[in-house]
N, C-alpha and C. Protein backbone atom coordinates (compact mmCIF):
# COMPACT_ATOMS: atom_id res chain seq x y z
N MET A 1 -6.73 -34.75 30.44
CA MET A 1 -6.93 -34.75 31.70
C MET A 1 -5.81 -35.06 32.47
N HIS A 2 -4.58 -35.94 32.03
CA HIS A 2 -3.62 -35.87 32.84
C HIS A 2 -3.00 -34.52 33.41
N ASP A 3 -2.86 -33.76 32.38
CA ASP A 3 -2.43 -32.26 32.57
C ASP A 3 -3.41 -31.59 33.73
N ASP A 4 -4.57 -31.82 33.99
CA ASP A 4 -5.55 -31.29 34.98
C ASP A 4 -4.84 -31.87 36.31
N ASP A 5 -4.64 -33.22 36.42
CA ASP A 5 -4.34 -33.80 37.57
C ASP A 5 -3.04 -33.20 37.90
N VAL A 6 -2.22 -32.96 37.30
CA VAL A 6 -0.63 -32.56 37.51
C VAL A 6 -0.84 -31.26 38.13
N MET A 7 -1.89 -30.37 37.02
CA MET A 7 -1.99 -29.13 38.10
C MET A 7 -2.41 -29.03 39.22
N ASP A 8 -3.58 -29.84 39.70
CA ASP A 8 -4.16 -29.90 40.86
C ASP A 8 -2.97 -30.14 41.99
N ARG A 9 -2.44 -31.13 41.59
CA ARG A 9 -1.38 -31.65 42.51
C ARG A 9 -0.57 -30.68 42.96
N LEU A 10 0.12 -29.70 41.80
CA LEU A 10 0.95 -28.87 41.79
C LEU A 10 0.41 -27.56 43.00
N LEU A 11 -0.84 -27.43 42.63
CA LEU A 11 -1.99 -26.17 43.62
C LEU A 11 -1.97 -26.93 44.80
N LYS A 12 -2.22 -27.79 44.94
CA LYS A 12 -2.53 -28.62 46.48
C LYS A 12 -1.03 -28.28 47.39
N ASP A 13 -0.17 -28.90 46.64
CA ASP A 13 1.19 -28.71 47.10
C ASP A 13 1.65 -27.13 47.51
N ALA A 14 1.50 -26.62 46.54
CA ALA A 14 1.66 -25.00 46.55
C ALA A 14 0.84 -24.17 48.01
N MET A 15 -0.60 -24.65 47.91
CA MET A 15 -1.43 -24.09 48.88
C MET A 15 -0.66 -24.66 50.43
N THR A 16 -0.33 -25.75 50.83
CA THR A 16 -0.12 -26.65 51.69
C THR A 16 1.32 -25.93 52.38
N ALA A 17 2.21 -25.99 51.15
CA ALA A 17 3.58 -25.26 51.88
C ALA A 17 3.76 -23.84 52.46
N ASP A 18 4.83 -23.92 53.12
CA ASP A 18 4.93 -22.66 54.07
C ASP A 18 5.35 -21.63 53.25
N ALA A 19 4.84 -20.36 53.72
CA ALA A 19 4.88 -19.37 52.82
C ALA A 19 6.42 -18.63 52.93
N PRO A 20 6.92 -18.37 51.63
CA PRO A 20 8.63 -17.92 51.71
C PRO A 20 8.62 -16.75 52.58
N GLN A 21 9.80 -16.78 53.13
CA GLN A 21 10.32 -15.76 54.04
C GLN A 21 11.69 -14.98 53.58
N LEU A 22 11.59 -13.33 53.61
CA LEU A 22 12.41 -12.96 53.25
C LEU A 22 13.66 -12.54 54.62
N SER A 23 14.91 -12.33 53.98
CA SER A 23 15.96 -12.00 55.13
C SER A 23 15.45 -10.85 55.92
N ARG A 24 16.18 -10.79 56.90
CA ARG A 24 15.89 -9.52 58.02
C ARG A 24 16.40 -8.29 57.51
N ASP A 25 17.41 -8.48 56.63
CA ASP A 25 18.00 -7.12 56.28
C ASP A 25 17.64 -6.50 54.56
N PHE A 26 16.29 -7.36 54.20
CA PHE A 26 15.86 -7.25 53.05
C PHE A 26 15.56 -5.89 52.60
N ASP A 27 14.84 -5.47 53.42
CA ASP A 27 14.06 -4.22 53.34
C ASP A 27 15.29 -3.09 53.30
N ALA A 28 16.24 -3.08 54.09
CA ALA A 28 17.25 -2.26 54.07
C ALA A 28 17.99 -2.08 52.80
N ARG A 29 18.69 -3.23 51.98
CA ARG A 29 19.07 -3.45 50.89
C ARG A 29 18.42 -3.05 50.09
N VAL A 30 17.23 -3.11 49.86
CA VAL A 30 16.30 -2.59 48.89
C VAL A 30 16.16 -1.34 49.10
N MET A 31 15.88 -0.60 50.34
CA MET A 31 15.87 0.92 50.41
C MET A 31 17.06 1.89 49.79
N GLN A 32 18.35 0.82 50.07
CA GLN A 32 20.06 1.20 49.69
C GLN A 32 19.82 1.29 47.99
N ARG A 33 19.15 0.40 47.47
CA ARG A 33 19.45 0.52 45.94
C ARG A 33 18.36 1.58 45.39
N VAL A 34 17.10 1.87 46.23
CA VAL A 34 16.25 2.56 45.37
C VAL A 34 16.18 4.04 45.78
N ARG A 35 17.12 4.54 47.01
CA ARG A 35 17.10 5.96 47.56
C ARG A 35 17.61 6.77 46.23
N PRO A 36 17.04 7.89 46.41
CA PRO A 36 17.72 8.72 45.38
C PRO A 36 19.15 9.28 45.55
N ARG A 37 19.58 9.35 44.26
CA ARG A 37 21.24 9.25 44.65
C ARG A 37 21.53 10.96 44.47
N ARG A 38 22.57 11.45 44.68
CA ARG A 38 23.14 12.74 44.84
C ARG A 38 23.98 12.65 43.57
N LEU A 39 24.19 14.03 42.89
CA LEU A 39 25.20 14.32 41.96
C LEU A 39 26.28 14.59 42.39
N THR A 40 27.61 14.04 42.04
CA THR A 40 28.76 14.30 42.18
C THR A 40 29.40 15.60 41.63
N PRO A 41 30.04 16.20 42.16
CA PRO A 41 30.62 17.65 41.77
C PRO A 41 30.78 17.30 40.05
N MET A 42 31.38 16.43 39.61
CA MET A 42 31.61 16.26 38.27
C MET A 42 29.94 16.35 37.43
N GLY A 43 29.08 15.67 38.06
CA GLY A 43 27.62 15.62 37.60
C GLY A 43 27.31 17.04 37.62
N HIS A 44 27.39 18.04 38.68
CA HIS A 44 26.97 19.12 38.61
C HIS A 44 27.83 20.07 37.56
N ALA A 45 29.09 19.85 37.31
CA ALA A 45 29.91 20.29 36.45
C ALA A 45 29.28 20.34 35.19
N ALA A 46 28.73 18.73 35.00
CA ALA A 46 28.52 18.32 33.43
C ALA A 46 27.11 19.17 32.91
N ILE A 47 26.12 19.29 34.20
CA ILE A 47 24.90 19.90 33.81
C ILE A 47 25.09 21.42 33.79
N ALA A 48 26.10 21.99 34.34
CA ALA A 48 26.16 23.38 34.34
C ALA A 48 26.94 23.74 32.60
N ALA A 49 27.60 22.59 32.38
CA ALA A 49 28.45 22.85 30.73
C ALA A 49 27.22 22.73 29.83
N TYR A 50 26.11 21.77 30.26
CA TYR A 50 24.99 21.59 29.18
C TYR A 50 24.57 22.84 29.27
N ALA A 51 24.18 23.31 30.20
CA ALA A 51 23.04 24.42 30.42
C ALA A 51 23.81 26.04 29.62
N LEU A 52 25.22 25.84 29.75
CA LEU A 52 25.50 27.06 29.00
C LEU A 52 25.56 26.81 27.68
N VAL A 53 25.74 25.69 27.13
CA VAL A 53 25.97 24.99 25.55
C VAL A 53 24.61 25.47 25.27
N ALA A 54 23.78 25.08 25.86
CA ALA A 54 22.08 25.13 25.32
C ALA A 54 21.70 26.51 25.34
N ALA A 55 22.18 27.31 26.33
CA ALA A 55 21.88 28.78 26.33
C ALA A 55 22.70 29.69 25.14
N ALA A 56 23.69 29.24 24.97
CA ALA A 56 24.52 29.78 23.86
C ALA A 56 24.07 29.39 22.55
N THR A 57 23.74 27.96 22.16
CA THR A 57 23.16 27.67 20.89
C THR A 57 21.76 28.51 20.87
N ALA A 58 20.85 28.45 21.77
CA ALA A 58 19.52 29.11 21.41
C ALA A 58 19.85 30.56 21.09
N ALA A 59 20.61 31.23 21.91
CA ALA A 59 21.07 32.99 21.62
C ALA A 59 21.38 33.15 20.27
N TRP A 60 22.25 31.93 19.92
CA TRP A 60 22.77 32.03 18.33
C TRP A 60 21.59 31.79 17.40
N CYS A 61 20.80 30.87 17.64
CA CYS A 61 19.92 30.45 16.57
C CYS A 61 18.78 31.61 16.66
N MET A 62 18.70 32.44 17.54
CA MET A 62 17.66 33.57 17.61
C MET A 62 18.25 34.86 17.61
N ARG A 63 19.60 34.79 16.89
CA ARG A 63 20.05 36.25 16.84
C ARG A 63 19.51 37.04 15.88
N ASP A 64 18.78 36.60 14.78
CA ASP A 64 17.95 37.36 13.85
C ASP A 64 16.75 37.70 14.08
N LEU A 65 15.88 36.93 15.24
CA LEU A 65 14.48 37.50 15.46
C LEU A 65 14.68 38.92 16.51
N PRO A 66 13.39 39.52 16.23
CA PRO A 66 13.19 40.54 16.83
C PRO A 66 13.14 40.38 18.34
N VAL A 67 13.16 41.38 19.26
CA VAL A 67 13.57 41.07 20.71
C VAL A 67 12.15 40.80 21.40
N GLU A 68 11.09 41.22 20.79
CA GLU A 68 9.77 41.16 21.16
C GLU A 68 9.49 39.58 21.24
N TRP A 69 9.90 38.94 19.85
CA TRP A 69 9.66 37.52 19.65
C TRP A 69 10.45 36.71 20.61
N ILE A 70 11.50 37.07 21.16
CA ILE A 70 12.23 36.56 21.93
C ILE A 70 11.97 36.69 23.21
N ALA A 71 11.31 37.75 23.65
CA ALA A 71 10.51 37.68 24.76
C ALA A 71 9.27 36.87 25.13
N VAL A 72 8.58 36.97 23.92
CA VAL A 72 7.37 35.72 24.05
C VAL A 72 7.72 34.78 24.18
N ALA A 73 8.76 34.11 23.44
CA ALA A 73 9.15 32.85 23.62
C ALA A 73 9.60 32.42 24.73
N VAL A 74 10.39 33.46 25.32
CA VAL A 74 10.92 32.90 27.08
C VAL A 74 9.50 32.91 27.62
N ALA A 75 8.79 34.03 27.73
CA ALA A 75 7.40 34.09 28.53
C ALA A 75 6.61 32.91 28.17
N ILE A 76 6.52 32.16 27.19
CA ILE A 76 5.76 30.94 27.11
C ILE A 76 6.53 29.62 27.50
N SER A 77 8.12 29.55 27.05
CA SER A 77 8.73 28.26 27.34
C SER A 77 9.00 27.97 29.00
N VAL A 78 9.13 29.09 29.43
CA VAL A 78 9.61 28.82 31.06
C VAL A 78 8.61 28.33 31.64
N PRO A 79 7.27 28.64 31.82
CA PRO A 79 6.19 28.26 32.58
C PRO A 79 6.02 26.85 32.17
N VAL A 80 5.98 26.44 31.05
CA VAL A 80 5.50 25.34 30.14
C VAL A 80 6.91 24.27 30.72
N ALA A 81 8.11 24.67 30.77
CA ALA A 81 9.07 23.81 31.35
C ALA A 81 9.25 23.63 32.89
N ALA A 82 8.99 24.66 33.33
CA ALA A 82 8.41 24.27 35.01
C ALA A 82 7.44 23.60 35.27
N ALA A 83 6.35 23.86 34.48
CA ALA A 83 4.96 22.72 34.68
C ALA A 83 5.55 21.32 34.32
N ALA A 84 6.29 21.20 33.35
CA ALA A 84 6.90 19.53 32.67
C ALA A 84 7.67 19.05 33.81
N SER A 85 8.54 20.09 34.43
CA SER A 85 9.55 19.37 35.44
C SER A 85 8.70 19.06 36.86
N ALA A 86 7.77 20.04 37.25
CA ALA A 86 7.04 19.59 38.37
C ALA A 86 6.11 18.35 38.04
N TYR A 87 5.30 18.18 36.84
CA TYR A 87 4.68 16.83 36.67
C TYR A 87 5.55 15.85 36.51
N GLY A 88 6.90 16.11 35.91
CA GLY A 88 7.99 14.92 36.23
C GLY A 88 8.38 14.14 37.28
N ARG A 89 8.55 15.20 38.32
CA ARG A 89 8.85 15.16 39.71
C ARG A 89 7.80 14.35 40.26
N ARG A 90 6.54 14.85 40.26
CA ARG A 90 5.24 14.31 40.67
C ARG A 90 5.42 12.69 40.55
N LEU A 91 5.41 12.47 38.92
CA LEU A 91 5.66 10.98 38.44
C LEU A 91 6.46 10.21 39.04
N ALA A 92 7.54 10.57 39.06
CA ALA A 92 8.82 10.08 39.89
C ALA A 92 8.66 9.87 41.27
N VAL A 93 8.12 10.41 42.10
CA VAL A 93 7.61 10.44 43.45
C VAL A 93 6.54 9.74 43.44
N GLY A 94 5.71 9.49 42.60
CA GLY A 94 4.64 8.58 43.00
C GLY A 94 3.51 9.33 43.78
N ASP A 95 3.43 10.71 44.18
CA ASP A 95 2.57 11.53 44.60
C ASP A 95 0.94 11.15 44.08
């Protein structure tokens, strides 16, 4: 019973208190932290190096496959990758 009285008093105090206010520059600081970041030149170089290594590894792994199978694999995987990328972008943007 004592806990109920304490909880009632806390609730009444919270309901009668003034609403907290955020500082005027709060929105600007939040937007600065959540805006999309651009890649640096070093980031672009790292992604390009990764793409080259991935392409070379894929070519080496498929060296014994017939050309038709490679064409089919590319024809299937490229649209799937594009769709996954578009889906991921939509999730990130919140559209």
